[in-house]
All heavy atoms as atom14 arrays in JSON, in Angstrom:
{
  "sequence": "ESKSMAGVGVMFYVLLALRAELRARGIFDAATQPKLDPLLTLVALGTV",
  "atom14_mask": [
    [1, 1, 1, 1, 1, 1, 1, 1, 1, 0, 0, 0, 0, 0],
    [1, 1, 1, 1, 1, 1, 0, 0, 0, 0, 0, 0, 0, 0],
    [1, 1, 1, 1, 1, 1, 1, 1, 1, 0, 0, 0, 0, 0],
    [1, 1, 1, 1, 1, 1, 0, 0, 0, 0, 0, 0, 0, 0],
    [1, 1, 1, 1, 1, 1, 1, 1, 0, 0, 0, 0, 0, 0],
    [1, 1, 1, 1, 1, 0, 0, 0, 0, 0, 0, 0, 0, 0],
    [1, 1, 1, 1, 0, 0, 0, 0, 0, 0, 0, 0, 0, 0],
    [1, 1, 1, 1, 1, 1, 1, 0, 0, 0, 0, 0, 0, 0],
    [1, 1, 1, 1, 0, 0, 0, 0, 0, 0, 0, 0, 0, 0],
    [1, 1, 1, 1, 1, 1, 1, 0, 0, 0, 0, 0, 0, 0],
    [1, 1, 1, 1, 1, 1, 1, 1, 0, 0, 0, 0, 0, 0],
    [1, 1, 1, 1, 1, 1, 1, 1, 1, 1, 1, 0, 0, 0],
    [1, 1, 1, 1, 1, 1, 1, 1, 1, 1, 1, 1, 0, 0],
    [1, 1, 1, 1, 1, 1, 1, 0, 0, 0, 0, 0, 0, 0],
    [1, 1, 1, 1, 1, 1, 1, 1, 0, 0, 0, 0, 0, 0],
    [1, 1, 1, 1, 1, 1, 1, 1, 0, 0, 0, 0, 0, 0],
    [1, 1, 1, 1, 1, 0, 0, 0, 0, 0, 0, 0, 0, 0],
    [1, 1, 1, 1, 1, 1, 1, 1, 0, 0, 0, 0, 0, 0],
    [1, 1, 1, 1, 1, 1, 1, 1, 1, 1, 1, 0, 0, 0],
    [1, 1, 1, 1, 1, 0, 0, 0, 0, 0, 0, 0, 0, 0],
    [1, 1, 1, 1, 1, 1, 1, 1, 1, 0, 0, 0, 0, 0],
    [1, 1, 1, 1, 1, 1, 1, 1, 0, 0, 0, 0, 0, 0],
    [1, 1, 1, 1, 1, 1, 1, 1, 1, 1, 1, 0, 0, 0],
    [1, 1, 1, 1, 1, 0, 0, 0, 0, 0, 0, 0, 0, 0],
    [1, 1, 1, 1, 1, 1, 1, 1, 1, 1, 1, 0, 0, 0],
    [1, 1, 1, 1, 0, 0, 0, 0, 0, 0, 0, 0, 0, 0],
    [1, 1, 1, 1, 1, 1, 1, 1, 0, 0, 0, 0, 0, 0],
    [1, 1, 1, 1, 1, 1, 1, 1, 1, 1, 1, 0, 0, 0],
    [1, 1, 1, 1, 1, 1, 1, 1, 0, 0, 0, 0, 0, 0],
    [1, 1, 1, 1, 1, 0, 0, 0, 0, 0, 0, 0, 0, 0],
    [1, 1, 1, 1, 1, 0, 0, 0, 0, 0, 0, 0, 0, 0],
    [1, 1, 1, 1, 1, 1, 1, 0, 0, 0, 0, 0, 0, 0],
    [1, 1, 1, 1, 1, 1, 1, 1, 1, 0, 0, 0, 0, 0],
    [1, 1, 1, 1, 1, 1, 1, 0, 0, 0, 0, 0, 0, 0],
    [1, 1, 1, 1, 1, 1, 1, 1, 1, 0, 0, 0, 0, 0],
    [1, 1, 1, 1, 1, 1, 1, 1, 0, 0, 0, 0, 0, 0],
    [1, 1, 1, 1, 1, 1, 1, 1, 0, 0, 0, 0, 0, 0],
    [1, 1, 1, 1, 1, 1, 1, 0, 0, 0, 0, 0, 0, 0],
    [1, 1, 1, 1, 1, 1, 1, 1, 0, 0, 0, 0, 0, 0],
    [1, 1, 1, 1, 1, 1, 1, 1, 0, 0, 0, 0, 0, 0],
    [1, 1, 1, 1, 1, 1, 1, 0, 0, 0, 0, 0, 0, 0],
    [1, 1, 1, 1, 1, 1, 1, 1, 0, 0, 0, 0, 0, 0],
    [1, 1, 1, 1, 1, 1, 1, 0, 0, 0, 0, 0, 0, 0],
    [1, 1, 1, 1, 1, 0, 0, 0, 0, 0, 0, 0, 0, 0],
    [1, 1, 1, 1, 1, 1, 1, 1, 0, 0, 0, 0, 0, 0],
    [1, 1, 1, 1, 0, 0, 0, 0, 0, 0, 0, 0, 0, 0],
    [1, 1, 1, 1, 1, 1, 1, 0, 0, 0, 0, 0, 0, 0],
    [1, 1, 1, 1, 1, 1, 1, 0, 0, 0, 0, 0, 0, 0]
  ],
  "atom14_positions": [
    [[144.39, 159.51, 76.94], [143.42, 160.59, 76.89], [143.31, 161.39, 78.19], [143.09, 162.59, 78.16], [142.04, 160.05, 76.55], [141.87, 159.7, 75.04], [140.5, 159.13, 74.75], [139.55, 159.38, 75.51], [140.37, 158.4, 73.76], [0.0, 0.0, 0.0], [0.0, 0.0, 0.0], [0.0, 0.0, 0.0], [0.0, 0.0, 0.0], [0.0, 0.0, 0.0]],
    [[143.42, 160.7, 79.32], [143.23, 161.39, 80.6], [144.55, 162.04, 81.04], [145.36, 161.41, 81.75], [142.73, 160.44, 81.66], [142.57, 161.09, 82.91], [0.0, 0.0, 0.0], [0.0, 0.0, 0.0], [0.0, 0.0, 0.0], [0.0, 0.0, 0.0], [0.0, 0.0, 0.0], [0.0, 0.0, 0.0], [0.0, 0.0, 0.0], [0.0, 0.0, 0.0]],
    [[144.74, 163.27, 80.66], [145.97, 164.0, 81.03], [145.87, 164.49, 82.46], [146.84, 164.99, 83.03], [146.19, 165.2, 80.1], [146.36, 164.84, 78.63], [147.56, 164.0, 78.38], [147.77, 163.68, 76.92], [148.85, 162.72, 76.69], [0.0, 0.0, 0.0], [0.0, 0.0, 0.0], [0.0, 0.0, 0.0], [0.0, 0.0, 0.0], [0.0, 0.0, 0.0]],
    [[144.71, 164.32, 83.07], [144.43, 164.91, 84.4], [144.58, 163.93, 85.53], [144.23, 164.2, 86.66], [143.05, 165.55, 84.46], [142.93, 166.51, 83.44], [0.0, 0.0, 0.0], [0.0, 0.0, 0.0], [0.0, 0.0, 0.0], [0.0, 0.0, 0.0], [0.0, 0.0, 0.0], [0.0, 0.0, 0.0], [0.0, 0.0, 0.0], [0.0, 0.0, 0.0]],
    [[145.05, 162.73, 85.26], [145.19, 161.73, 86.34], [146.11, 162.26, 87.43], [147.13, 162.88, 87.14], [145.76, 160.41, 85.82], [144.69, 159.41, 85.51], [145.23, 157.71, 85.63], [146.61, 157.65, 84.54], [0.0, 0.0, 0.0], [0.0, 0.0, 0.0], [0.0, 0.0, 0.0], [0.0, 0.0, 0.0], [0.0, 0.0, 0.0], [0.0, 0.0, 0.0]],
    [[145.76, 161.99, 88.66], [146.62, 162.31, 89.8], [147.75, 161.25, 89.87], [147.69, 160.23, 89.21], [145.81, 162.33, 91.1], [0.0, 0.0, 0.0], [0.0, 0.0, 0.0], [0.0, 0.0, 0.0], [0.0, 0.0, 0.0], [0.0, 0.0, 0.0], [0.0, 0.0, 0.0], [0.0, 0.0, 0.0], [0.0, 0.0, 0.0], [0.0, 0.0, 0.0]],
    [[148.73, 161.52, 90.71], [149.82, 160.59, 90.87], [149.37, 159.21, 91.32], [149.87, 158.17, 90.89], [0.0, 0.0, 0.0], [0.0, 0.0, 0.0], [0.0, 0.0, 0.0], [0.0, 0.0, 0.0], [0.0, 0.0, 0.0], [0.0, 0.0, 0.0], [0.0, 0.0, 0.0], [0.0, 0.0, 0.0], [0.0, 0.0, 0.0], [0.0, 0.0, 0.0]],
    [[148.31, 159.19, 92.18], [147.84, 157.93, 92.68], [147.15, 157.16, 91.57], [147.23, 155.92, 91.54], [146.83, 158.17, 93.86], [145.6, 158.91, 93.44], [146.46, 156.87, 94.55], [0.0, 0.0, 0.0], [0.0, 0.0, 0.0], [0.0, 0.0, 0.0], [0.0, 0.0, 0.0], [0.0, 0.0, 0.0], [0.0, 0.0, 0.0], [0.0, 0.0, 0.0]],
    [[146.49, 157.83, 90.63], [145.88, 157.17, 89.49], [146.94, 156.53, 88.58], [146.75, 155.43, 88.08], [0.0, 0.0, 0.0], [0.0, 0.0, 0.0], [0.0, 0.0, 0.0], [0.0, 0.0, 0.0], [0.0, 0.0, 0.0], [0.0, 0.0, 0.0], [0.0, 0.0, 0.0], [0.0, 0.0, 0.0], [0.0, 0.0, 0.0], [0.0, 0.0, 0.0]],
    [[148.04, 157.25, 88.37], [149.14, 156.72, 87.54], [149.69, 155.44, 88.19], [149.9, 154.45, 87.49], [150.25, 157.77, 87.37], [151.43, 157.19, 86.59], [149.7, 159.01, 86.65], [0.0, 0.0, 0.0], [0.0, 0.0, 0.0], [0.0, 0.0, 0.0], [0.0, 0.0, 0.0], [0.0, 0.0, 0.0], [0.0, 0.0, 0.0], [0.0, 0.0, 0.0]],
    [[149.9, 155.43, 89.49], [150.43, 154.25, 90.15], [149.45, 153.09, 90.06], [149.84, 151.93, 89.83], [150.72, 154.56, 91.63], [151.46, 153.44, 92.37], [153.1, 153.06, 91.65], [153.1, 151.3, 91.6], [0.0, 0.0, 0.0], [0.0, 0.0, 0.0], [0.0, 0.0, 0.0], [0.0, 0.0, 0.0], [0.0, 0.0, 0.0], [0.0, 0.0, 0.0]],
    [[148.17, 153.4, 90.17], [147.12, 152.32, 90.06], [147.21, 151.72, 88.63], [147.12, 150.5, 88.48], [145.75, 152.95, 90.33], [144.59, 151.92, 90.17], [144.44, 150.93, 91.13], [143.75, 152.0, 89.1], [143.38, 150.0, 91.01], [142.7, 151.1, 88.97], [142.53, 150.1, 89.91], [0.0, 0.0, 0.0], [0.0, 0.0, 0.0], [0.0, 0.0, 0.0]],
    [[147.37, 152.56, 87.63], [147.47, 152.06, 86.27], [148.72, 151.22, 86.05], [148.69, 150.21, 85.32], [147.44, 153.21, 85.28], [146.03, 153.43, 84.7], [145.02, 153.98, 85.49], [145.72, 153.05, 83.42], [143.72, 154.14, 84.97], [144.47, 153.23, 82.89], [143.44, 153.76, 83.66], [142.16, 153.89, 83.18], [0.0, 0.0, 0.0], [0.0, 0.0, 0.0]],
    [[149.82, 151.59, 86.68], [151.04, 150.76, 86.58], [150.78, 149.35, 87.16], [151.21, 148.34, 86.6], [152.22, 151.46, 87.34], [153.38, 150.49, 87.51], [152.67, 152.68, 86.55], [0.0, 0.0, 0.0], [0.0, 0.0, 0.0], [0.0, 0.0, 0.0], [0.0, 0.0, 0.0], [0.0, 0.0, 0.0], [0.0, 0.0, 0.0], [0.0, 0.0, 0.0]],
    [[150.02, 149.31, 88.27], [149.66, 148.01, 88.85], [148.78, 147.18, 87.93], [148.91, 145.97, 87.84], [148.98, 148.21, 90.21], [149.86, 148.83, 91.3], [148.99, 149.2, 92.53], [150.98, 147.88, 91.72], [0.0, 0.0, 0.0], [0.0, 0.0, 0.0], [0.0, 0.0, 0.0], [0.0, 0.0, 0.0], [0.0, 0.0, 0.0], [0.0, 0.0, 0.0]],
    [[147.82, 147.85, 87.25], [147.0, 147.13, 86.27], [147.85, 146.5, 85.18], [147.61, 145.36, 84.79], [145.96, 148.1, 85.66], [144.85, 148.65, 86.55], [143.99, 149.62, 85.77], [143.98, 147.51, 87.09], [0.0, 0.0, 0.0], [0.0, 0.0, 0.0], [0.0, 0.0, 0.0], [0.0, 0.0, 0.0], [0.0, 0.0, 0.0], [0.0, 0.0, 0.0]],
    [[148.81, 147.29, 84.67], [149.7, 146.76, 83.6], [150.58, 145.66, 84.14], [150.83, 144.65, 83.41], [150.51, 147.92, 83.05], [0.0, 0.0, 0.0], [0.0, 0.0, 0.0], [0.0, 0.0, 0.0], [0.0, 0.0, 0.0], [0.0, 0.0, 0.0], [0.0, 0.0, 0.0], [0.0, 0.0, 0.0], [0.0, 0.0, 0.0], [0.0, 0.0, 0.0]],
    [[151.06, 145.77, 85.37], [151.91, 144.74, 85.95], [151.09, 143.42, 86.1], [151.61, 142.36, 85.83], [152.43, 145.22, 87.32], [153.19, 144.18, 88.16], [154.37, 143.6, 87.41], [153.6, 144.78, 89.5], [0.0, 0.0, 0.0], [0.0, 0.0, 0.0], [0.0, 0.0, 0.0], [0.0, 0.0, 0.0], [0.0, 0.0, 0.0], [0.0, 0.0, 0.0]],
    [[149.86, 143.57, 86.54], [149.03, 142.37, 86.71], [148.82, 141.69, 85.36], [148.91, 140.46, 85.25], [147.68, 142.73, 87.31], [146.81, 141.5, 87.63], [145.56, 141.87, 88.34], [144.64, 142.69, 87.48], [143.45, 143.09, 87.87], [143.0, 142.77, 89.11], [142.71, 143.79, 87.07], [0.0, 0.0, 0.0], [0.0, 0.0, 0.0], [0.0, 0.0, 0.0]],
    [[148.63, 142.47, 84.3], [148.47, 141.89, 82.95], [149.75, 141.21, 82.53], [149.71, 140.13, 81.9], [148.09, 143.01, 81.96], [0.0, 0.0, 0.0], [0.0, 0.0, 0.0], [0.0, 0.0, 0.0], [0.0, 0.0, 0.0], [0.0, 0.0, 0.0], [0.0, 0.0, 0.0], [0.0, 0.0, 0.0], [0.0, 0.0, 0.0], [0.0, 0.0, 0.0]],
    [[150.9, 141.81, 82.83], [152.19, 141.2, 82.5], [152.38, 139.87, 83.24], [152.84, 138.87, 82.67], [153.31, 142.18, 82.83], [154.72, 141.65, 82.64], [155.12, 141.36, 81.19], [154.45, 141.93, 80.29], [156.05, 140.59, 80.95], [0.0, 0.0, 0.0], [0.0, 0.0, 0.0], [0.0, 0.0, 0.0], [0.0, 0.0, 0.0], [0.0, 0.0, 0.0]],
    [[152.02, 139.85, 84.5], [152.14, 138.6, 85.3], [151.17, 137.53, 84.8], [151.5, 136.34, 84.84], [151.89, 138.92, 86.78], [152.93, 139.82, 87.45], [152.51, 140.21, 88.87], [154.3, 139.16, 87.47], [0.0, 0.0, 0.0], [0.0, 0.0, 0.0], [0.0, 0.0, 0.0], [0.0, 0.0, 0.0], [0.0, 0.0, 0.0], [0.0, 0.0, 0.0]],
    [[150.0, 137.94, 84.31], [149.06, 137.0, 83.67], [149.71, 136.41, 82.45], [149.65, 135.19, 82.23], [147.78, 137.71, 83.27], [146.69, 137.72, 84.31], [145.29, 137.94, 83.72], [145.23, 138.95, 82.68], [145.0, 140.25, 82.88], [144.82, 140.69, 84.12], [144.95, 141.09, 81.87], [0.0, 0.0, 0.0], [0.0, 0.0, 0.0], [0.0, 0.0, 0.0]],
    [[150.33, 137.28, 81.65], [150.99, 136.82, 80.4], [152.11, 135.84, 80.69], [152.4, 134.94, 79.89], [151.47, 138.01, 79.59], [0.0, 0.0, 0.0], [0.0, 0.0, 0.0], [0.0, 0.0, 0.0], [0.0, 0.0, 0.0], [0.0, 0.0, 0.0], [0.0, 0.0, 0.0], [0.0, 0.0, 0.0], [0.0, 0.0, 0.0], [0.0, 0.0, 0.0]],
    [[152.71, 135.99, 81.86], [153.84, 135.08, 82.24], [153.33, 133.84, 82.93], [154.13, 132.98, 83.34], [154.81, 135.83, 83.16], [155.53, 137.0, 82.48], [156.58, 137.63, 83.4], [157.18, 138.78, 82.75], [158.37, 139.29, 83.07], [159.05, 138.79, 84.1], [158.84, 140.37, 82.46], [0.0, 0.0, 0.0], [0.0, 0.0, 0.0], [0.0, 0.0, 0.0]],
    [[151.99, 133.72, 83.1], [151.44, 132.52, 83.69], [151.5, 132.46, 85.2], [151.3, 131.41, 85.8], [0.0, 0.0, 0.0], [0.0, 0.0, 0.0], [0.0, 0.0, 0.0], [0.0, 0.0, 0.0], [0.0, 0.0, 0.0], [0.0, 0.0, 0.0], [0.0, 0.0, 0.0], [0.0, 0.0, 0.0], [0.0, 0.0, 0.0], [0.0, 0.0, 0.0]],
    [[151.81, 133.59, 85.83], [151.87, 133.61, 87.31], [150.47, 133.39, 87.89], [150.31, 132.72, 88.9], [152.44, 134.97, 87.81], [153.76, 135.3, 87.17], [152.54, 134.99, 89.35], [154.9, 134.3, 87.42], [0.0, 0.0, 0.0], [0.0, 0.0, 0.0], [0.0, 0.0, 0.0], [0.0, 0.0, 0.0], [0.0, 0.0, 0.0], [0.0, 0.0, 0.0]],
    [[149.46, 133.94, 87.26], [148.07, 133.65, 87.59], [147.23, 133.92, 86.36], [147.7, 134.47, 85.34], [147.55, 134.46, 88.78], [148.13, 135.81, 88.98], [147.92, 136.83, 88.02], [148.89, 136.11, 90.09], [148.45, 138.09, 88.18], [149.44, 137.38, 90.26], [149.24, 138.37, 89.31], [0.0, 0.0, 0.0], [0.0, 0.0, 0.0], [0.0, 0.0, 0.0]],
    [[145.97, 133.52, 86.4], [145.06, 133.76, 85.28], [143.94, 134.67, 85.72], [143.94, 135.16, 86.88], [144.51, 132.42, 84.7], [143.79, 131.6, 85.76], [143.23, 132.19, 86.72], [143.77, 130.36, 85.63], [0.0, 0.0, 0.0], [0.0, 0.0, 0.0], [0.0, 0.0, 0.0], [0.0, 0.0, 0.0], [0.0, 0.0, 0.0], [0.0, 0.0, 0.0]],
    [[142.98, 134.89, 84.83], [141.87, 135.82, 85.12], [141.11, 135.43, 86.37], [140.59, 136.28, 87.08], [140.94, 135.93, 83.92], [0.0, 0.0, 0.0], [0.0, 0.0, 0.0], [0.0, 0.0, 0.0], [0.0, 0.0, 0.0], [0.0, 0.0, 0.0], [0.0, 0.0, 0.0], [0.0, 0.0, 0.0], [0.0, 0.0, 0.0], [0.0, 0.0, 0.0]],
    [[141.04, 134.09, 86.63], [140.28, 133.61, 87.79], [141.07, 133.74, 89.09], [140.48, 133.99, 90.17], [139.87, 132.17, 87.58], [0.0, 0.0, 0.0], [0.0, 0.0, 0.0], [0.0, 0.0, 0.0], [0.0, 0.0, 0.0], [0.0, 0.0, 0.0], [0.0, 0.0, 0.0], [0.0, 0.0, 0.0], [0.0, 0.0, 0.0], [0.0, 0.0, 0.0]],
    [[142.38, 133.6, 89.02], [143.18, 133.55, 90.26], [143.9, 134.89, 90.54], [144.51, 135.01, 91.6], [144.22, 132.43, 90.2], [145.09, 132.69, 89.04], [143.58, 131.06, 90.03], [0.0, 0.0, 0.0], [0.0, 0.0, 0.0], [0.0, 0.0, 0.0], [0.0, 0.0, 0.0], [0.0, 0.0, 0.0], [0.0, 0.0, 0.0], [0.0, 0.0, 0.0]],
    [[143.87, 135.81, 89.6], [144.62, 137.06, 89.82], [144.03, 137.86, 91.02], [142.84, 137.81, 91.26], [144.58, 137.92, 88.55], [143.23, 138.46, 88.22], [143.22, 139.29, 86.93], [144.21, 139.35, 86.23], [142.12, 139.95, 86.63], [0.0, 0.0, 0.0], [0.0, 0.0, 0.0], [0.0, 0.0, 0.0], [0.0, 0.0, 0.0], [0.0, 0.0, 0.0]],
    [[144.91, 138.57, 91.72], [144.45, 139.39, 92.86], [143.56, 140.52, 92.37], [143.75, 141.06, 91.27], [145.72, 139.94, 93.47], [146.82, 139.12, 92.9], [146.37, 138.64, 91.58], [0.0, 0.0, 0.0], [0.0, 0.0, 0.0], [0.0, 0.0, 0.0], [0.0, 0.0, 0.0], [0.0, 0.0, 0.0], [0.0, 0.0, 0.0], [0.0, 0.0, 0.0]],
    [[142.58, 140.88, 93.16], [141.72, 142.03, 92.84], [142.39, 143.3, 93.25], [142.85, 143.46, 94.37], [140.37, 141.88, 93.57], [139.43, 140.82, 92.99], [138.06, 140.92, 93.63], [137.08, 139.97, 92.99], [136.81, 140.27, 91.58], [0.0, 0.0, 0.0], [0.0, 0.0, 0.0], [0.0, 0.0, 0.0], [0.0, 0.0, 0.0], [0.0, 0.0, 0.0]],
    [[142.5, 144.23, 92.28], [143.11, 145.52, 92.58], [142.05, 146.61, 92.86], [142.4, 147.69, 93.38], [143.99, 145.97, 91.41], [145.23, 145.11, 91.14], [145.95, 145.61, 89.87], [146.18, 145.11, 92.32], [0.0, 0.0, 0.0], [0.0, 0.0, 0.0], [0.0, 0.0, 0.0], [0.0, 0.0, 0.0], [0.0, 0.0, 0.0], [0.0, 0.0, 0.0]],
    [[140.78, 146.33, 92.54], [139.78, 147.39, 92.7], [139.57, 147.87, 94.13], [139.13, 149.0, 94.33], [138.43, 146.99, 92.05], [137.97, 145.61, 92.47], [138.54, 144.64, 92.01], [137.0, 145.56, 93.23], [0.0, 0.0, 0.0], [0.0, 0.0, 0.0], [0.0, 0.0, 0.0], [0.0, 0.0, 0.0], [0.0, 0.0, 0.0], [0.0, 0.0, 0.0]],
    [[139.89, 147.05, 95.21], [139.78, 147.64, 96.54], [140.7, 148.86, 96.74], [140.44, 149.7, 97.6], [140.21, 146.48, 97.47], [139.84, 145.26, 96.7], [140.14, 145.6, 95.25], [0.0, 0.0, 0.0], [0.0, 0.0, 0.0], [0.0, 0.0, 0.0], [0.0, 0.0, 0.0], [0.0, 0.0, 0.0], [0.0, 0.0, 0.0], [0.0, 0.0, 0.0]],
    [[141.76, 148.96, 95.94], [142.68, 150.11, 96.05], [142.02, 151.41, 95.58], [142.54, 152.5, 95.81], [143.94, 149.87, 95.23], [144.81, 148.64, 95.64], [145.91, 148.42, 94.62], [145.36, 148.83, 97.04], [0.0, 0.0, 0.0], [0.0, 0.0, 0.0], [0.0, 0.0, 0.0], [0.0, 0.0, 0.0], [0.0, 0.0, 0.0], [0.0, 0.0, 0.0]],
    [[140.89, 151.3, 94.9], [140.23, 152.49, 94.36], [139.72, 153.44, 95.44], [139.5, 154.63, 95.19], [139.1, 152.11, 93.39], [139.61, 151.6, 92.04], [138.51, 150.86, 91.28], [140.14, 152.75, 91.18], [0.0, 0.0, 0.0], [0.0, 0.0, 0.0], [0.0, 0.0, 0.0], [0.0, 0.0, 0.0], [0.0, 0.0, 0.0], [0.0, 0.0, 0.0]],
    [[139.55, 152.95, 96.68], [139.2, 153.87, 97.77], [140.3, 154.89, 97.97], [140.05, 156.1, 98.14], [138.97, 153.09, 99.08], [140.14, 152.3, 99.39], [137.76, 152.17, 98.99], [0.0, 0.0, 0.0], [0.0, 0.0, 0.0], [0.0, 0.0, 0.0], [0.0, 0.0, 0.0], [0.0, 0.0, 0.0], [0.0, 0.0, 0.0], [0.0, 0.0, 0.0]],
    [[141.54, 154.42, 97.88], [142.7, 155.31, 98.06], [142.89, 156.17, 96.8], [143.29, 157.34, 96.9], [143.97, 154.52, 98.35], [143.95, 153.7, 99.66], [145.18, 152.82, 99.76], [143.87, 154.61, 100.86], [0.0, 0.0, 0.0], [0.0, 0.0, 0.0], [0.0, 0.0, 0.0], [0.0, 0.0, 0.0], [0.0, 0.0, 0.0], [0.0, 0.0, 0.0]],
    [[142.65, 155.58, 95.63], [142.77, 156.37, 94.4], [141.75, 157.51, 94.39], [142.08, 158.65, 94.03], [142.51, 155.46, 93.16], [142.55, 156.26, 91.87], [143.59, 154.34, 93.08], [0.0, 0.0, 0.0], [0.0, 0.0, 0.0], [0.0, 0.0, 0.0], [0.0, 0.0, 0.0], [0.0, 0.0, 0.0], [0.0, 0.0, 0.0], [0.0, 0.0, 0.0]],
    [[140.54, 157.24, 94.86], [139.5, 158.28, 94.89], [139.9, 159.38, 95.84], [139.8, 160.58, 95.51], [138.16, 157.64, 95.35], [0.0, 0.0, 0.0], [0.0, 0.0, 0.0], [0.0, 0.0, 0.0], [0.0, 0.0, 0.0], [0.0, 0.0, 0.0], [0.0, 0.0, 0.0], [0.0, 0.0, 0.0], [0.0, 0.0, 0.0], [0.0, 0.0, 0.0]],
    [[140.39, 159.02, 97.03], [140.8, 160.03, 98.01], [141.91, 160.93, 97.47], [141.83, 162.15, 97.53], [141.24, 159.32, 99.31], [141.93, 160.15, 100.35], [141.08, 161.33, 100.81], [142.28, 159.28, 101.6], [0.0, 0.0, 0.0], [0.0, 0.0, 0.0], [0.0, 0.0, 0.0], [0.0, 0.0, 0.0], [0.0, 0.0, 0.0], [0.0, 0.0, 0.0]],
    [[142.96, 160.33, 96.93], [144.1, 161.09, 96.43], [143.73, 161.96, 95.24], [144.22, 163.09, 95.1], [0.0, 0.0, 0.0], [0.0, 0.0, 0.0], [0.0, 0.0, 0.0], [0.0, 0.0, 0.0], [0.0, 0.0, 0.0], [0.0, 0.0, 0.0], [0.0, 0.0, 0.0], [0.0, 0.0, 0.0], [0.0, 0.0, 0.0], [0.0, 0.0, 0.0]],
    [[142.86, 161.45, 94.37], [142.48, 162.17, 93.15], [141.71, 163.45, 93.53], [142.0, 164.52, 92.98], [141.63, 161.27, 92.24], [142.39, 160.15, 91.84], [141.13, 162.02, 91.04], [0.0, 0.0, 0.0], [0.0, 0.0, 0.0], [0.0, 0.0, 0.0], [0.0, 0.0, 0.0], [0.0, 0.0, 0.0], [0.0, 0.0, 0.0], [0.0, 0.0, 0.0]],
    [[140.75, 163.31, 94.42], [139.96, 164.49, 94.82], [140.81, 165.47, 95.64], [140.77, 166.69, 95.4], [138.69, 164.09, 95.61], [137.97, 165.31, 96.17], [137.77, 163.25, 94.74], [0.0, 0.0, 0.0], [0.0, 0.0, 0.0], [0.0, 0.0, 0.0], [0.0, 0.0, 0.0], [0.0, 0.0, 0.0], [0.0, 0.0, 0.0], [0.0, 0.0, 0.0]]
  ]
}
């Protein structure tokens, strides 16, 4: 739906999908997975 994402938003989404794939492969679970939300400071800057 969001056709207006900036390039930085697209890369952030790729990381979200990669983390889900690594969860599915058992590399980590919901409790042990790395937090990606700190990257949103950079996503916000690039988007604006």
